Amino acid sequence: MIEKCRMDHIERYGEIYAAAFAGEPWNDPWKTEDAVIHVRELMESKQAYGLEYVEDGQVVGFILGTSMLFHYGRTFEINDLAVDPAFQRRGIARRLLERCLTDLRAQGIVGVHLITAGEGVLPAFYEKIGFTKENEVILMGLEL
């Protein structure tokens, strides 16, 4: 069952996020308490939108992002899509993403962006749903 994200589930989202991103392809050493802060900061944004996937009364995955207005319309950035590793490879991420895209279209969002690993299974996963690599923009970074 897919429902809107809820503030009282932030601890669970943090657990899922830390566990999911500890594995391939990211191998990020997230502490659960830091992941909770990360999710809270996103959810507290006035433009946040997210969905959770509930199975047998337990949250097992979520998608979360924020929208921003540009001269050509409002776009949405998917900041997080995470599924508890014990529930991965069951189509949960795909169902969350497809429902999110349906909802965003209904809200009048004109485009959706995300950042993902450049290699491995994730680009192919997103391409199957219709995402393409951007040619007009690049991601740039600066370590401080």
C-alpha atoms as a PDB file:
ATOM      1  CA  MET A   1       0.000   0.000   0.000  1.00  0.00           C
ATOM      2  CA  ILE A   2       1.304   3.444  -0.917  1.00  0.00           C
ATOM      3  CA  GLU A   3       0.516   6.415   1.311  1.00  0.00           C
ATOM      4  CA  LYS A   4       1.814   9.948   1.780  1.00  0.00           C
ATOM      5  CA  CYS A   5       4.931  10.279   3.916  1.00  0.00           C
ATOM      6  CA  ARG A   6       4.239  11.147   7.537  1.00  0.00           C
ATOM      7  CA  MET A   7       6.369  13.084  10.002  1.00  0.00           C
ATOM      8  CA  ASP A   8       5.783  10.447  12.681  1.00  0.00           C
ATOM      9  CA  HIS A   9       7.566   7.899  10.447  1.00  0.00           C
ATOM     10  CA  ILE A  10      10.813   9.872  10.132  1.00  0.00           C
ATOM     11  CA  GLU A  11      12.742   7.464  12.368  1.00  0.00           C
ATOM     12  CA  ARG A  12      11.764   4.537  10.136  1.00  0.00           C
ATOM     13  CA  TYR A  13      12.672   6.475   6.983  1.00  0.00           C
ATOM     14  CA  GLY A  14      16.094   7.164   8.493  1.00  0.00           C
ATOM     15  CA  GLU A  15      16.597   3.461   9.256  1.00  0.00           C
ATOM     16  CA  ILE A  16      15.636   2.502   5.706  1.00  0.00           C
ATOM     17  CA  TYR A  17      17.808   5.221   4.181  1.00  0.00           C
ATOM     18  CA  ALA A  18      20.906   4.295   6.197  1.00  0.00           C
ATOM     19  CA  ALA A  19      20.498   0.587   5.438  1.00  0.00           C
ATOM     20  CA  ALA A  20      19.718   1.034   1.734  1.00  0.00           C
ATOM     21  CA  PHE A  21      22.600   3.401   1.030  1.00  0.00           C
ATOM     22  CA  ALA A  22      25.069   1.219   2.945  1.00  0.00           C
ATOM     23  CA  GLY A  23      24.827  -1.305   0.099  1.00  0.00           C
ATOM     24  CA  GLU A  24      25.702  -1.271  -3.594  1.00  0.00           C
ATOM     25  CA  PRO A  25      26.238   0.891  -5.508  1.00  0.00           C
ATOM     26  CA  TRP A  26      26.712   3.613  -2.882  1.00  0.00           C
ATOM     27  CA  ASN A  27      28.388   1.893   0.071  1.00  0.00           C
ATOM     28  CA  ASP A  28      27.826   5.058   2.128  1.00  0.00           C
ATOM     29  CA  PRO A  29      28.518   4.784   5.874  1.00  0.00           C
ATOM     30  CA  TRP A  30      25.342   6.560   7.027  1.00  0.00           C
ATOM     31  CA  LYS A  31      24.568   6.633  10.730  1.00  0.00           C
ATOM     32  CA  THR A  32      20.852   6.185  11.272  1.00  0.00           C
ATOM     33  CA  GLU A  33      20.622   9.348  13.379  1.00  0.00           C
ATOM     34  CA  ASP A  34      22.199  11.380  10.551  1.00  0.00           C
ATOM     35  CA  ALA A  35      19.859   9.801   8.006  1.00  0.00           C
ATOM     36  CA  VAL A  36      16.909  10.810  10.213  1.00  0.00           C
ATOM     37  CA  ILE A  37      18.155  14.413  10.195  1.00  0.00           C
ATOM     38  CA  HIS A  38      18.595  14.256   6.409  1.00  0.00           C
ATOM     39  CA  VAL A  39      15.011  13.062   5.909  1.00  0.00           C
ATOM     40  CA  ARG A  40      13.620  15.537   8.453  1.00  0.00           C
ATOM     41  CA  GLU A  41      15.281  18.462   6.686  1.00  0.00           C
ATOM     42  CA  LEU A  42      13.714  17.425   3.393  1.00  0.00           C
ATOM     43  CA  MET A  43      10.275  16.814   4.862  1.00  0.00           C
ATOM     44  CA  GLU A  44      10.264  20.178   6.619  1.00  0.00           C
ATOM     45  CA  SER A  45      10.624  21.979   3.293  1.00  0.00           C
ATOM     46  CA  LYS A  46       7.391  23.705   2.295  1.00  0.00           C
ATOM     47  CA  GLN A  47       7.736  22.186  -1.178  1.00  0.00           C
ATOM     48  CA  ALA A  48       8.391  18.598  -0.024  1.00  0.00           C
ATOM     49  CA  TYR A  49       6.391  15.692  -1.346  1.00  0.00           C
ATOM     50  CA  GLY A  50       6.858  12.046  -0.516  1.00  0.00           C
ATOM     51  CA  LEU A  51       5.269   8.631  -0.482  1.00  0.00           C
ATOM     52  CA  GLU A  52       5.855   5.571   1.664  1.00  0.00           C
ATOM     53  CA  TYR A  53       5.326   1.901   0.871  1.00  0.00           C
ATOM     54  CA  VAL A  54       3.684  -0.098   3.646  1.00  0.00           C
ATOM     55  CA  GLU A  55       3.659  -3.881   3.750  1.00  0.00           C
ATOM     56  CA  ASP A  56       2.013  -5.805   6.584  1.00  0.00           C
ATOM     57  CA  GLY A  57       1.726  -2.600   8.612  1.00  0.00           C
ATOM     58  CA  GLN A  58       5.436  -1.759   8.305  1.00  0.00           C
ATOM     59  CA  VAL A  59       7.025   1.012   6.228  1.00  0.00           C
ATOM     60  CA  VAL A  60       9.526  -0.707   3.927  1.00  0.00           C
ATOM     61  CA  GLY A  61      10.343   2.053   1.432  1.00  0.00           C
ATOM     62  CA  PHE A  62       9.847   5.707   0.582  1.00  0.00           C
ATOM     63  CA  ILE A  63      10.389   8.335  -2.081  1.00  0.00           C
ATOM     64  CA  LEU A  64      10.920  11.962  -1.161  1.00  0.00           C
ATOM     65  CA  GLY A  65      11.715  15.165  -2.990  1.00  0.00           C
ATOM     66  CA  THR A  66      11.070  18.863  -3.352  1.00  0.00           C
ATOM     67  CA  SER A  67       9.767  21.114  -6.099  1.00  0.00           C
ATOM     68  CA  MET A  68      11.014  24.456  -7.303  1.00  0.00           C
ATOM     69  CA  LEU A  69       9.535  27.045  -9.645  1.00  0.00           C
ATOM     70  CA  PHE A  70      11.472  28.074 -12.751  1.00  0.00           C
ATOM     71  CA  HIS A  71      10.520  30.372 -15.639  1.00  0.00           C
ATOM     72  CA  TYR A  72       9.217  27.371 -17.605  1.00  0.00           C
ATOM     73  CA  GLY A  73       7.223  25.837 -14.748  1.00  0.00           C
ATOM     74  CA  ARG A  74       7.611  23.889 -11.530  1.00  0.00           C
ATOM     75  CA  THR A  75      10.049  20.969 -11.486  1.00  0.00           C
ATOM     76  CA  PHE A  76      10.537  18.246  -8.915  1.00  0.00           C
ATOM     77  CA  GLU A  77      13.806  16.784  -7.716  1.00  0.00           C
ATOM     78  CA  ILE A  78      13.717  13.269  -6.351  1.00  0.00           C
ATOM     79  CA  ASN A  79      16.107  13.493  -3.427  1.00  0.00           C
ATOM     80  CA  ASP A  80      15.580  10.029  -1.972  1.00  0.00           C
ATOM     81  CA  LEU A  81      14.217   6.705  -3.128  1.00  0.00           C
ATOM     82  CA  ALA A  82      15.068   3.952  -0.666  1.00  0.00           C
ATOM     83  CA  VAL A  83      13.776   0.468   0.088  1.00  0.00           C
ATOM     84  CA  ASP A  84      14.700  -1.634   3.102  1.00  0.00           C
ATOM     85  CA  PRO A  85      17.305  -4.138   1.824  1.00  0.00           C
ATOM     86  CA  ALA A  86      15.166  -7.041   3.097  1.00  0.00           C
ATOM     87  CA  PHE A  87      12.402  -5.909   0.691  1.00  0.00           C
ATOM     88  CA  GLN A  88      14.457  -4.965  -2.362  1.00  0.00           C
ATOM     89  CA  ARG A  89      14.025  -6.562  -5.790  1.00  0.00           C
ATOM     90  CA  ARG A  90      10.258  -6.881  -5.332  1.00  0.00           C
ATOM     91  CA  GLY A  91       9.235  -3.902  -7.484  1.00  0.00           C
ATOM     92  CA  ILE A  92       8.632  -1.572  -4.535  1.00  0.00           C
ATOM     93  CA  ALA A  93      10.935   1.205  -5.811  1.00  0.00           C
ATOM     94  CA  ARG A  94       9.304   1.035  -9.227  1.00  0.00           C
ATOM     95  CA  ARG A  95       5.784   1.249  -7.762  1.00  0.00           C
ATOM     96  CA  LEU A  96       6.772   4.195  -5.558  1.00  0.00           C
ATOM     97  CA  LEU A  97       8.375   6.005  -8.478  1.00  0.00           C
ATOM     98  CA  GLU A  98       5.484   5.387 -10.873  1.00  0.00           C
ATOM     99  CA  ARG A  99       2.888   6.555  -8.326  1.00  0.00           C
ATOM    100  CA  CYS A 100       4.998   9.614  -7.522  1.00  0.00           C
ATOM    101  CA  LEU A 101       5.234  10.517 -11.225  1.00  0.00           C
ATOM    102  CA  THR A 102       1.472  10.099 -11.625  1.00  0.00           C
ATOM    103  CA  ASP A 103       0.870  12.405  -8.655  1.00  0.00           C
ATOM    104  CA  LEU A 104       3.369  14.977  -9.933  1.00  0.00           C
ATOM    105  CA  ARG A 105       1.702  15.089 -13.357  1.00  0.00           C
ATOM    106  CA  ALA A 106      -1.627  15.712 -11.621  1.00  0.00           C
ATOM    107  CA  GLN A 107      -0.025  18.571  -9.671  1.00  0.00           C
ATOM    108  CA  GLY A 108       1.138  20.228 -12.903  1.00  0.00           C
ATOM    109  CA  ILE A 109       4.841  19.525 -12.450  1.00  0.00           C
ATOM    110  CA  VAL A 110       6.606  20.011 -15.811  1.00  0.00           C
ATOM    111  CA  GLY A 111       9.771  17.978 -15.196  1.00  0.00           C
ATOM    112  CA  VAL A 112      11.457  15.618 -12.762  1.00  0.00           C
ATOM    113  CA  HIS A 113      15.178  15.350 -12.039  1.00  0.00           C
ATOM    114  CA  LEU A 114      17.334  13.099  -9.910  1.00  0.00           C
ATOM    115  CA  ILE A 115      20.966  12.306  -9.263  1.00  0.00           C
ATOM    116  CA  THR A 116      22.044   8.682  -9.344  1.00  0.00           C
ATOM    117  CA  ALA A 117      25.122   6.531  -9.816  1.00  0.00           C
ATOM    118  CA  GLY A 118      26.608   6.867 -13.291  1.00  0.00           C
ATOM    119  CA  GLU A 119      27.178   3.139 -13.694  1.00  0.00           C
ATOM    120  CA  GLY A 120      25.649  -0.123 -12.551  1.00  0.00           C
ATOM    121  CA  VAL A 121      21.973  -1.053 -12.359  1.00  0.00           C
ATOM    122  CA  LEU A 122      20.511   2.313 -11.369  1.00  0.00           C
ATOM    123  CA  PRO A 123      20.765   4.164 -14.711  1.00  0.00           C
ATOM    124  CA  ALA A 124      19.055   1.228 -16.443  1.00  0.00           C
ATOM    125  CA  PHE A 125      16.341   1.154 -13.754  1.00  0.00           C
ATOM    126  CA  TYR A 126      15.509   4.825 -14.316  1.00  0.00           C
ATOM    127  CA  GLU A 127      15.766   4.557 -18.112  1.00  0.00           C
ATOM    128  CA  LYS A 128      13.122   1.795 -18.094  1.00  0.00           C
ATOM    129  CA  ILE A 129      10.725   4.276 -16.493  1.00  0.00           C
ATOM    130  CA  GLY A 130      11.499   6.978 -19.063  1.00  0.00           C
ATOM    131  CA  PHE A 131      14.324   9.019 -17.562  1.00  0.00           C
ATOM    132  CA  THR A 132      17.134  10.046 -19.899  1.00  0.00           C
ATOM    133  CA  LYS A 133      20.607  11.415 -19.309  1.00  0.00           C
ATOM    134  CA  GLU A 134      20.649  15.191 -19.468  1.00  0.00           C
ATOM    135  CA  ASN A 135      22.767  16.672 -22.246  1.00  0.00           C
ATOM    136  CA  GLU A 136      22.134  20.325 -21.514  1.00  0.00           C
ATOM    137  CA  VAL A 137      23.331  20.400 -17.895  1.00  0.00           C
ATOM    138  CA  ILE A 138      26.031  18.729 -15.863  1.00  0.00           C
ATOM    139  CA  LEU A 139      26.494  18.151 -12.167  1.00  0.00           C
ATOM    140  CA  MET A 140      29.423  20.114 -10.785  1.00  0.00           C
ATOM    141  CA  GLY A 141      30.809  20.016  -7.284  1.00  0.00           C
ATOM    142  CA  LEU A 142      33.306  21.679  -5.015  1.00  0.00           C
ATOM    143  CA  GLU A 143      34.650  20.109  -1.859  1.00  0.00           C
ATOM    144  CA  LEU A 144      35.095  22.545   1.024  1.00  0.00           C
END
